Protein backbone atom coordinates (compact mmCIF):
# COMPACT_ATOMS: atom_id res chain seq x y z
CA MET A 1 -172.40 -36.04 -31.23
CA LEU A 2 -170.27 -35.53 -27.94
CA HIS A 3 -167.76 -32.76 -28.05
CA ARG A 4 -164.41 -32.88 -25.86
CA ASN A 5 -165.20 -29.70 -24.26
CA SER A 6 -168.98 -29.58 -23.92
CA PRO A 7 -170.63 -29.75 -20.30
CA ILE A 8 -172.51 -32.89 -21.19
CA THR A 9 -169.31 -34.52 -21.76
CA ARG A 10 -167.62 -33.18 -18.85
CA ALA A 11 -170.74 -34.26 -16.61
CA LEU A 12 -170.70 -37.75 -18.26
CA LEU A 13 -167.06 -38.31 -17.52
CA SER A 14 -167.57 -37.15 -13.85
CA LEU A 15 -170.23 -39.76 -13.08
CA LEU A 16 -168.07 -42.57 -14.84
CA GLY A 17 -165.29 -41.34 -12.48
CA LEU A 18 -167.97 -41.72 -9.46
CA LEU A 19 -168.94 -45.15 -10.64
CA VAL A 20 -165.01 -46.06 -10.76
CA ILE A 21 -164.70 -44.98 -7.29
CA CYS A 22 -167.87 -46.70 -6.38
CA ILE A 23 -166.50 -50.33 -7.99
CA LEU A 24 -163.32 -49.81 -6.37
CA ALA A 25 -164.89 -49.13 -2.89
CA ALA A 26 -167.62 -51.94 -3.25
CA GLU A 27 -167.29 -55.20 -1.26
CA PRO A 28 -166.41 -58.12 -3.63
CA ALA A 29 -169.08 -60.51 -4.57
CA SER A 30 -169.09 -63.91 -2.44
CA ALA A 31 -170.78 -65.37 -5.71
CA GLN A 32 -170.67 -64.35 -9.40
CA ARG A 33 -174.29 -64.46 -10.90
CA ILE A 34 -175.74 -64.44 -14.22
CA SER A 35 -178.87 -63.28 -15.35
CA LEU A 36 -180.50 -62.95 -18.54
CA GLY A 37 -183.88 -61.31 -19.98
CA PRO A 38 -186.22 -59.74 -22.74
CA TYR A 39 -187.32 -56.08 -21.86
CA LEU A 40 -189.89 -53.67 -23.76
CA GLY A 41 -189.60 -49.81 -23.99
CA ALA A 42 -190.68 -46.54 -25.12
CA SER A 43 -188.66 -43.07 -25.58
CA ILE A 44 -190.56 -40.09 -25.30
CA SER A 45 -188.27 -37.77 -27.58
CA PRO A 46 -188.31 -39.12 -30.83
CA ALA A 47 -191.48 -41.26 -30.14
CA ASN A 48 -190.49 -44.85 -30.48
CA THR A 49 -190.88 -48.21 -29.25
CA PHE A 50 -188.46 -51.02 -29.01
CA ALA A 51 -187.75 -54.34 -27.68
CA GLY A 52 -184.39 -55.67 -26.32
CA ILE A 53 -182.32 -58.15 -24.32
CA SER A 54 -180.15 -57.53 -21.29
CA ALA A 55 -177.67 -59.38 -19.39
CA ARG A 56 -176.43 -58.91 -15.62
CA PHE A 57 -172.97 -60.29 -14.44
CA GLY A 58 -172.06 -59.86 -10.92
CA GLY A 59 -174.03 -60.57 -7.83
CA GLY A 60 -172.83 -57.88 -5.79
CA THR A 61 -172.99 -54.01 -5.31
CA VAL A 62 -171.55 -53.89 -8.77
CA GLN A 63 -173.13 -55.28 -12.01
CA PHE A 64 -171.74 -55.47 -15.46
CA ALA A 65 -175.32 -54.98 -17.85
CA PRO A 66 -174.45 -55.43 -21.61
CA GLY A 67 -177.88 -55.35 -23.73
CA PHE A 68 -178.93 -55.11 -27.45
CA GLU A 69 -182.35 -53.65 -28.56
CA ALA A 70 -183.88 -52.83 -32.10
CA SER A 71 -186.73 -50.60 -32.89
CA PHE A 72 -190.37 -51.52 -33.82
CA THR A 73 -191.27 -48.11 -35.13
CA ASP A 74 -189.30 -48.60 -38.64
CA GLY A 75 -189.50 -52.27 -38.88
CA PHE A 76 -186.49 -53.32 -36.91
CA ASP A 77 -184.50 -50.54 -39.12
CA HIS A 78 -182.65 -49.06 -35.95
CA TRP A 79 -180.58 -50.88 -33.19
CA LEU A 80 -178.60 -50.02 -30.32
CA VAL A 81 -175.78 -51.88 -28.39
CA ASP A 82 -174.86 -50.78 -24.83
CA ALA A 83 -172.35 -51.86 -22.03
CA ASN A 84 -173.70 -50.25 -18.74
CA ILE A 85 -171.95 -50.68 -15.16
CA LEU A 86 -174.59 -50.62 -12.51
CA TYR A 87 -173.91 -49.78 -8.90
CA ARG A 88 -176.83 -51.57 -6.99
CA PHE A 89 -178.18 -50.01 -3.25
CA TYR A 90 -179.67 -52.64 -0.70
CA LEU A 91 -182.61 -51.36 1.25
CA GLU A 92 -182.81 -53.17 4.55
CA ASP A 93 -185.98 -55.41 4.88
CA SER A 94 -186.59 -54.84 1.14
CA ASN A 95 -186.37 -57.49 -1.85
CA MET A 96 -186.35 -54.21 -4.20
CA ARG A 97 -182.75 -53.26 -5.56
CA PRO A 98 -182.62 -49.34 -6.73
CA TYR A 99 -179.47 -49.12 -9.04
CA PHE A 100 -177.73 -46.63 -11.12
CA GLY A 101 -175.46 -46.52 -13.83
CA ALA A 102 -173.53 -45.38 -16.82
CA GLY A 103 -171.81 -46.53 -20.04
CA PRO A 104 -170.97 -46.72 -23.79
CA VAL A 105 -173.71 -47.27 -26.67
CA VAL A 106 -173.35 -47.62 -30.06
CA ALA A 107 -176.70 -46.67 -32.42
CA ASP A 108 -177.23 -47.33 -36.01
CA SER A 109 -180.32 -46.64 -38.70
CA PRO A 110 -180.29 -47.01 -42.27
CA SER A 111 -179.66 -43.36 -43.20
CA VAL A 112 -176.39 -43.01 -40.81
CA ASP A 113 -173.37 -44.73 -39.90
CA PRO A 114 -172.83 -46.05 -36.31
CA ARG A 115 -172.67 -43.37 -33.92
CA PHE A 116 -171.00 -43.64 -30.47
CA GLY A 117 -172.49 -42.08 -27.50
CA ALA A 118 -173.08 -42.79 -23.53
CA ASN A 119 -176.20 -43.73 -21.39
CA ILE A 120 -177.08 -42.85 -17.87
CA VAL A 121 -179.46 -45.22 -16.08
CA ALA A 122 -181.30 -45.52 -13.12
CA GLY A 123 -184.06 -48.02 -11.92
CA ALA A 124 -185.18 -50.86 -9.80
CA ALA A 125 -185.26 -54.94 -9.85
CA ILE A 126 -187.20 -56.74 -7.61
CA SER A 127 -185.56 -60.14 -6.14
CA ALA A 128 -188.13 -62.79 -6.47
CA GLY A 129 -186.42 -65.77 -6.69
CA PRO A 130 -185.38 -66.94 -10.06
CA VAL A 131 -187.55 -64.53 -11.97
CA GLN A 132 -186.46 -60.66 -11.18
CA PRO A 133 -188.87 -57.93 -12.69
CA PHE A 134 -187.32 -54.56 -13.54
CA LEU A 135 -188.16 -51.21 -14.39
CA GLN A 136 -185.64 -48.52 -15.80
CA SER A 137 -185.22 -45.13 -17.19
CA ARG A 138 -182.55 -44.04 -19.81
CA LEU A 139 -180.66 -41.04 -20.82
CA THR A 140 -178.94 -41.85 -24.09
CA ILE A 141 -176.63 -39.34 -25.58
CA VAL A 142 -175.55 -40.19 -29.17
CA ASN A 143 -176.16 -37.56 -31.92
CA ARG A 144 -179.23 -36.33 -30.01
CA THR A 145 -180.54 -36.75 -26.26
CA THR A 146 -183.28 -39.41 -25.78
CA VAL A 147 -184.89 -40.45 -22.63
CA SER A 148 -186.46 -43.81 -22.39
CA VAL A 149 -188.33 -46.09 -20.02
CA MET A 150 -188.38 -49.74 -20.11
CA ALA A 151 -190.00 -52.96 -18.41
CA GLY A 152 -188.74 -56.53 -18.40
CA LEU A 153 -187.94 -59.42 -16.75
CA LEU A 154 -184.57 -61.27 -16.00
CA PHE A 155 -184.12 -64.81 -15.19
CA VAL A 156 -181.50 -65.89 -12.77
CA PHE A 157 -179.00 -68.49 -13.39
CA PRO A 158 -177.84 -70.58 -10.24
CA ASP A 159 -174.49 -69.58 -8.57
CA ARG A 160 -171.45 -71.60 -9.94
CA GLN A 161 -169.38 -73.34 -7.58
CA GLU A 162 -165.99 -74.07 -8.28
């Protein structure tokens, strides 16, 4: 559980403040884009495997990325919902799009009530047309700190023209 004056809480609040500054400084997206896709992952501590679905909203530098996942380890008894803000970097002459971000998370299991916490994420997606593979690492702080790695595919829906 996060405590108001802990160093981790202050670091997370600083990171979220940095993300807000990045959002305000980001160029507006020329077109809004939606992508959606599945992913598989594993956490290191505690050892766990999971499957999830992630969405990405926004075609510019900043994306909103909500997601849902369920754990394989205990018969899908554990689940997690998150809502991250991603800041994407553009590499010149490359279709790789690295990103970092953070956001709130709610996790639940049969033995405890839902718990609230925060994520810090970093990864990269490859812009390869309508299907974009991605690899992401995540630090989740709820009642304990968990490090996870996940890989998935995002299916990009065409831009909506008004």
